[in-house]
Protein backbone atom coordinates (compact mmCIF):
# COMPACT_ATOMS: atom_id res chain seq x y z
CA MET A 1 -2.39 -8.05 -18.62
CA ASP A 2 -3.29 -5.02 -20.72
CA LYS A 3 -6.85 -6.24 -21.02
CA GLU A 4 -7.11 -6.51 -17.23
CA LEU A 5 -5.71 -3.03 -16.68
CA GLU A 6 -8.31 -1.51 -19.01
CA MET A 7 -10.77 -2.03 -16.14
CA THR A 8 -9.05 0.75 -14.18
CA PRO A 9 -11.21 3.90 -14.12
CA SER A 10 -9.62 7.13 -15.27
CA LEU A 11 -9.60 9.80 -12.59
CA GLU A 12 -10.47 12.35 -15.27
CA LEU A 13 -13.67 10.44 -16.03
CA GLN A 14 -14.54 9.29 -12.52
CA ALA A 15 -14.42 11.77 -9.63
CA VAL A 16 -12.42 10.78 -6.57
CA ALA A 17 -14.75 10.06 -3.65
CA HIS A 18 -14.57 12.52 -0.76
CA ASP A 19 -17.89 11.73 0.93
CA PHE A 20 -17.09 8.58 2.95
CA ALA A 21 -18.40 9.10 6.47
CA ASP A 22 -19.42 5.64 7.72
CA TYR A 23 -16.98 5.54 10.64
CA THR A 24 -18.74 2.81 12.56
CA LYS A 25 -16.87 0.80 15.22
CA LYS A 26 -18.13 -2.48 13.73
CA LYS A 27 -16.46 -4.22 10.81
CA ARG A 28 -18.77 -4.67 7.85
CA HIS A 29 -17.00 -7.12 5.57
CA GLY A 30 -18.27 -10.52 4.44
CA HIS A 31 -16.46 -12.51 1.75
CA ASP A 32 -19.75 -13.60 0.19
CA LYS A 33 -20.17 -10.03 -1.15
CA ASP A 34 -16.72 -9.71 -2.75
CA VAL A 35 -16.49 -8.58 -6.36
CA LEU A 36 -14.92 -11.14 -8.72
CA ASP A 37 -13.86 -10.53 -12.30
CA GLY A 38 -14.75 -12.74 -15.29
CA ASN A 39 -11.98 -15.16 -14.33
CA LYS A 40 -13.19 -15.44 -10.72
CA ILE A 41 -10.26 -13.36 -9.48
CA ARG A 42 -10.93 -11.46 -6.26
CA GLN A 43 -10.94 -7.66 -6.50
CA VAL A 44 -9.32 -5.92 -3.53
CA ALA A 45 -9.28 -2.20 -2.68
CA GLY A 46 -6.94 -0.38 -0.32
CA CYS A 47 -4.99 2.77 0.45
CA LEU A 48 -1.47 3.96 1.06
CA PRO A 49 -2.10 6.38 3.95
CA LEU A 50 0.54 9.12 3.67
CA ASP A 51 1.76 11.84 6.00
CA MET A 52 3.59 13.96 3.44
CA LYS A 53 4.53 16.62 5.99
CA ASN A 54 6.80 14.07 7.67
CA HIS A 55 7.40 11.96 4.53
CA ARG A 56 6.08 8.70 5.94
CA VAL A 57 3.45 6.02 5.38
CA LEU A 58 1.32 4.16 7.92
CA LEU A 59 1.33 0.36 7.61
CA ILE A 60 -0.50 -2.25 9.69
CA SER A 61 0.45 -5.68 10.96
CA SER A 62 -0.80 -8.74 9.13
CA ARG A 63 -3.29 -10.90 11.01
CA LYS A 64 -1.97 -14.04 9.30
CA LYS A 65 1.81 -13.62 9.48
CA LYS A 66 3.91 -12.50 12.42
CA ASN A 67 6.15 -9.49 11.86
CA ALA A 68 4.61 -8.89 8.43
CA TRP A 69 3.49 -5.39 7.45
CA VAL A 70 0.84 -4.58 4.88
CA LEU A 71 -1.32 -1.70 3.70
CA PRO A 72 -4.97 -1.52 4.82
CA LYS A 73 -7.04 -3.29 2.18
CA GLY A 74 -9.84 -5.77 1.69
CA GLY A 75 -12.54 -7.10 -0.56
CA TRP A 76 -14.36 -4.57 -2.74
CA GLU A 77 -18.03 -5.42 -2.21
CA VAL A 78 -20.79 -5.49 -4.80
CA ASP A 79 -22.72 -2.49 -3.42
CA GLU A 80 -19.81 -0.02 -3.30
CA SER A 81 -17.22 1.64 -5.51
CA GLN A 82 -13.52 0.83 -5.40
CA GLN A 83 -12.83 4.15 -3.68
CA HIS A 84 -15.53 3.62 -1.05
CA ALA A 85 -14.16 0.13 -0.37
CA ALA A 86 -10.61 1.47 -0.06
CA GLN A 87 -11.67 4.15 2.44
CA ARG A 88 -13.82 1.70 4.41
CA GLU A 89 -11.02 -0.85 4.70
CA THR A 90 -8.53 1.84 5.70
CA TRP A 91 -10.88 2.91 8.48
CA GLU A 92 -11.71 -0.63 9.66
CA GLU A 93 -8.15 -1.95 9.67
CA ALA A 94 -6.07 1.15 10.45
CA GLY A 95 -8.40 3.65 12.10
CA ILE A 96 -7.59 6.35 9.59
CA LYS A 97 -9.86 9.13 8.38
CA GLY A 98 -8.56 10.67 5.21
CA THR A 99 -9.07 11.90 1.68
CA ILE A 100 -8.18 9.92 -1.43
CA THR A 101 -5.99 12.10 -3.63
CA LYS A 102 -5.24 9.79 -6.55
CA GLN A 103 -5.36 6.23 -7.82
CA LEU A 104 -1.99 4.50 -8.06
CA GLY A 105 -3.10 1.61 -10.25
CA VAL A 106 -4.26 -2.00 -10.28
CA PHE A 107 -1.58 -4.35 -8.98
CA GLU A 108 -1.41 -8.13 -9.28
CA GLU A 109 -0.92 -10.42 -6.29
CA ARG A 110 0.33 -13.89 -7.18
CA THR A 111 0.98 -17.05 -5.20
CA LYS A 112 4.66 -17.53 -4.33
CA LYS A 113 5.26 -21.04 -5.65
CA LYS A 114 3.13 -21.39 -8.79
CA ARG A 115 2.84 -17.64 -9.52
CA LYS A 116 -0.90 -18.09 -9.95
CA LEU A 117 -2.92 -14.85 -10.05
CA LYS A 118 -4.58 -14.47 -6.65
CA ALA A 119 -6.09 -10.97 -6.65
CA HIS A 120 -6.18 -7.57 -8.30
CA HIS A 121 -5.43 -4.74 -5.86
CA TRP A 122 -6.97 -1.34 -6.64
CA ILE A 123 -4.70 0.93 -4.60
CA PHE A 124 -5.29 4.61 -3.87
CA GLU A 125 -3.12 7.24 -2.25
CA MET A 126 -4.72 8.78 0.82
CA GLN A 127 -3.96 12.04 2.60
CA ILE A 128 -4.33 11.36 6.32
CA ASN A 129 -6.66 13.72 8.16
CA GLU A 130 -6.89 11.90 11.49
CA VAL A 131 -5.51 8.74 13.14
CA VAL A 132 -8.17 7.48 15.57
CA LYS A 133 -7.53 5.35 18.67
CA LYS A 134 -10.79 3.36 18.61
CA PHE A 135 -11.56 1.55 15.36
CA PRO A 136 -13.02 -1.87 14.37
CA GLU A 137 -9.77 -3.91 14.27
CA ARG A 138 -7.84 -2.10 17.03
CA LYS A 139 -7.43 -5.35 19.00
CA LYS A 140 -6.19 -7.28 15.96
CA ARG A 141 -3.69 -4.88 14.39
CA GLU A 142 -0.60 -2.89 15.21
CA ARG A 143 0.11 0.37 13.41
CA ARG A 144 3.49 1.89 12.60
CA TRP A 145 4.97 4.78 10.69
CA PHE A 146 7.57 3.96 8.03
CA THR A 147 9.76 6.04 5.75
CA LEU A 148 9.75 4.92 2.12
CA LYS A 149 13.01 3.04 2.60
CA GLU A 150 11.74 1.29 5.74
CA ALA A 151 8.41 0.43 4.07
CA LEU A 152 10.17 -1.16 1.09
CA ILE A 153 12.14 -3.35 3.51
CA ALA A 154 9.12 -4.23 5.64
CA THR A 155 7.03 -5.26 2.59
CA LYS A 156 9.74 -7.24 0.81
CA LYS A 157 7.49 -10.32 0.64
CA HIS A 158 4.69 -8.32 -1.02
CA PRO A 159 5.95 -7.04 -4.40
CA TYR A 160 2.60 -5.44 -5.26
CA ILE A 161 2.86 -3.20 -2.17
CA GLN A 162 6.41 -2.26 -3.11
CA GLU A 163 5.23 -1.32 -6.60
CA ALA A 164 2.48 0.87 -5.15
CA LEU A 165 4.96 2.56 -2.80
CA LEU A 166 7.25 3.39 -5.70
CA CYS A 167 4.31 4.86 -7.60
CA SER A 168 3.33 7.07 -4.66
CA SER A 169 4.16 10.66 -3.83
CA LEU A 170 6.69 9.41 -1.25
CA ASN A 171 9.00 8.39 -4.08
CA SER A 172 10.89 11.34 -5.50
CA ASP A 173 11.86 9.19 -8.48
CA VAL A 174 8.25 8.42 -9.47
CA GLY A 175 8.52 10.43 -12.69
CA ILE A 176 11.99 9.14 -13.51
CA ILE A 177 11.73 5.36 -13.25
CA SER A 178 10.67 4.17 -16.71
CA GLY A 179 7.43 2.25 -17.06
CA ILE A 180 5.91 3.12 -13.71
CA GLY A 181 2.79 5.23 -13.73
CA ILE A 182 -0.84 5.45 -12.77
CA HIS A 183 -2.95 2.59 -14.21
CA LYS A 184 0.04 0.85 -15.85
CA PRO A 185 2.23 -0.43 -13.00
CA GLN A 186 5.20 -2.50 -14.07
CA SER A 187 6.48 -5.54 -12.19
CA LEU A 188 9.61 -4.24 -10.52
CA SER A 189 12.76 -6.31 -10.15
CA GLN A 190 14.29 -6.72 -6.71
CA GLU A 191 17.41 -5.09 -8.16
CA LEU A 192 15.44 -1.90 -8.92
CA ILE A 193 13.84 -1.87 -5.49
CA SER A 194 17.20 -2.46 -3.81
CA LYS A 195 18.64 0.36 -5.89
CA ARG A 196 15.97 2.72 -4.55
CA ILE A 197 16.54 1.55 -0.96
CA ASN A 198 20.30 2.14 -1.22
CA ASP A 199 19.99 5.39 -3.15
CA GLU A 200 21.17 7.52 -0.25
CA HIS A 201 24.32 5.46 0.22
CA SER A 202 25.03 5.42 -3.51
CA THR A 203 24.82 9.21 -3.59
CA LYS A 204 27.33 9.49 -0.76
CA SER A 205 29.71 7.14 -2.58
CA LEU A 206 29.50 9.23 -5.75
CA LEU A 207 30.40 12.29 -3.69
CA GLY A 208 33.51 10.56 -2.42
CA ILE A 209 32.15 9.95 1.09
CA GLU A 210 33.11 6.55 2.47
CA VAL A 211 30.14 4.53 3.70
CA GLU A 212 29.94 1.05 5.14
CA PRO A 213 27.77 -1.51 3.29
CA VAL A 214 24.35 -1.60 4.92
CA LEU A 215 22.59 -4.89 5.62
CA PHE A 216 18.88 -4.39 6.24
CA ASP A 217 17.42 -6.69 8.88
CA LEU A 218 13.62 -6.96 8.98
CA ASP A 219 13.68 -8.39 12.52
CA LEU A 220 15.72 -5.39 13.66
CA LEU A 221 13.30 -3.05 11.90
CA ASN A 222 10.41 -4.70 13.73
CA SER A 223 12.14 -4.04 17.07
CA PHE A 224 12.04 -0.25 16.63
CA ASN A 225 9.55 0.74 19.33
CA TYR A 226 9.45 4.38 18.26
CA LEU A 227 7.65 3.39 15.09
CA HIS A 228 4.61 2.18 17.02
CA ILE A 229 1.43 4.22 17.09
CA GLN A 230 -0.30 4.19 20.43
């Protein structure tokens, strides 16, 4: 694990890319150009697109699974940097123009049953500059705004996305939770994630305010029409 994470570039040594401008309406990607590491593991790049003014993140629907929400990401190709790939995928899949502000880390995606390493995700935090109506995958994706709490619920089947969310600027506890930081993300337990989701209710209980136990329902969350982006 440590050896794999050493591949992560330091932002002090490698400037964050701000010059991406290839906002074509046609999707570029072809899997034959994907970067693989020495163990033939696919390298994926993507962004957490944040609207910090309103404390929310934009997620997109999965093309493979109904009612599943993911961050815009895709194969990092051999003729581009991780940052360029992350910006390109965020444009193609989510129609977002933005500026990368920092790298959150390299996160592992594993298969559910055998826990076999499937991909390394190089995830960057992006400041949203514009959300565009016409983009390459507009007929294949839905887009929605989520608060941190809602995003953690919506991505419960993708631990690596939850880890990235908890490393982002949306999480006020990012400097408090031990072991989580840029370039050295820690696998988070569901207990820790649940603790963060229920933080507001725990605070009210400590203050002596009676609150009813909250059961989070992903199907109910998916029915919230006001979260849709037209």
